[in-house]
Amino acid sequence: MALEIEMATYNKELPRLLSQTGKHVLIIEDRVIDTYVGYDAALKRGYMEAGIGKPFLVKKIAKEDIQFFTRNITSASVVYTQ
């Protein structure tokens, strides 16, 4: 699984990070780099720190991890409108 170390770091640091709920955290390997008001700022700093070849995590700090899912999809169709 990708970003296992970064997700483990996020979960370990979450109690401390909750004081900044709603911000975005940048994590590289097992290090919390910083928190940012916007996703774009965190992403930019991630590329500056890690480059394009090293994984990093930018995640919105939240008490509960929001999961998006769908179910019972058996087929998909595309509708084009003009």
Protein backbone atom coordinates (compact mmCIF):
# COMPACT_ATOMS: atom_id res chain seq x y z
CA MET A 1 0.00 0.00 0.00
CA ALA A 2 1.27 3.46 -0.85
CA LEU A 3 1.95 5.99 1.89
CA GLU A 4 1.80 3.45 4.74
CA ILE A 5 4.46 5.27 6.76
CA GLU A 6 2.86 8.66 6.20
CA MET A 7 -0.62 7.43 7.17
CA ALA A 8 0.78 5.76 10.30
CA THR A 9 2.47 9.05 11.19
CA TYR A 10 -0.79 10.95 10.63
CA ASN A 11 -2.72 8.57 12.88
CA LYS A 12 -0.02 8.72 15.56
CA GLU A 13 0.13 12.53 15.48
CA LEU A 14 -3.63 13.09 15.12
CA PRO A 15 -4.30 13.90 18.79
CA ARG A 16 -1.77 16.74 18.57
CA LEU A 17 -2.93 17.84 15.12
CA LEU A 18 -6.60 18.13 16.13
CA SER A 19 -5.92 21.60 17.54
CA GLN A 20 -5.58 22.61 13.88
CA THR A 21 -8.67 20.85 12.54
CA GLY A 22 -9.56 22.00 9.03
CA LYS A 23 -6.00 22.78 8.01
CA HIS A 24 -3.88 20.53 5.79
CA VAL A 25 -0.85 18.68 7.12
CA LEU A 26 2.23 17.79 5.10
CA ILE A 27 3.92 14.53 6.10
CA ILE A 28 7.06 13.10 4.54
CA GLU A 29 7.92 9.60 5.73
CA ASP A 30 7.61 9.79 9.54
CA ARG A 31 7.96 13.59 9.82
CA VAL A 32 5.22 16.17 10.13
CA ILE A 33 6.64 19.06 8.13
CA ASP A 34 3.98 21.71 8.83
CA THR A 35 0.29 22.58 8.59
CA TYR A 36 -1.28 24.91 6.04
CA VAL A 37 -4.57 26.73 5.61
CA GLY A 38 -4.85 25.62 1.99
CA TYR A 39 -4.25 22.36 0.17
CA ASP A 40 -2.30 24.08 -2.62
CA ALA A 41 0.24 25.59 -0.22
CA ALA A 42 0.84 22.21 1.42
CA LEU A 43 1.18 20.49 -1.96
CA LYS A 44 3.66 23.10 -3.21
CA ARG A 45 5.79 22.72 -0.09
CA GLY A 46 5.63 18.94 -0.45
CA TYR A 47 7.08 19.10 -3.95
CA MET A 48 9.73 21.57 -2.76
CA GLU A 49 10.76 19.26 0.10
CA ALA A 50 10.36 15.84 -1.51
CA GLY A 51 10.63 16.50 -5.23
CA ILE A 52 8.62 14.48 -7.71
CA GLY A 53 10.21 11.10 -7.03
CA LYS A 54 9.53 10.75 -3.30
CA PRO A 55 6.05 10.17 -1.86
CA PHE A 56 4.49 12.56 0.61
CA LEU A 57 1.07 13.01 2.15
CA VAL A 58 -1.11 16.11 2.23
CA LYS A 59 -4.23 15.47 4.26
CA LYS A 60 -6.96 17.64 5.73
CA ILE A 61 -6.91 17.35 9.50
CA ALA A 62 -10.21 15.97 10.78
CA LYS A 63 -11.43 14.20 13.89
CA GLU A 64 -13.08 11.50 11.80
CA ASP A 65 -11.68 10.20 8.55
CA ILE A 66 -14.30 10.78 5.88
CA GLN A 67 -14.76 7.83 3.57
CA PHE A 68 -16.38 8.21 0.18
CA PHE A 69 -17.94 5.13 -1.30
CA THR A 70 -20.67 3.98 -3.56
CA ARG A 71 -22.41 0.64 -3.82
CA ASN A 72 -24.55 -1.49 -6.07
CA ILE A 73 -23.15 -0.12 -9.29
CA THR A 74 -23.44 -2.70 -12.03
CA SER A 75 -22.89 -0.48 -15.07
CA ALA A 76 -22.08 3.06 -15.99
CA SER A 77 -23.18 5.28 -18.81
CA VAL A 78 -22.12 8.67 -20.07
CA VAL A 79 -24.58 11.31 -21.19
CA TYR A 80 -23.36 14.09 -23.43
CA THR A 81 -25.27 17.34 -23.57
CA GLN A 82 -24.75 20.43 -25.69
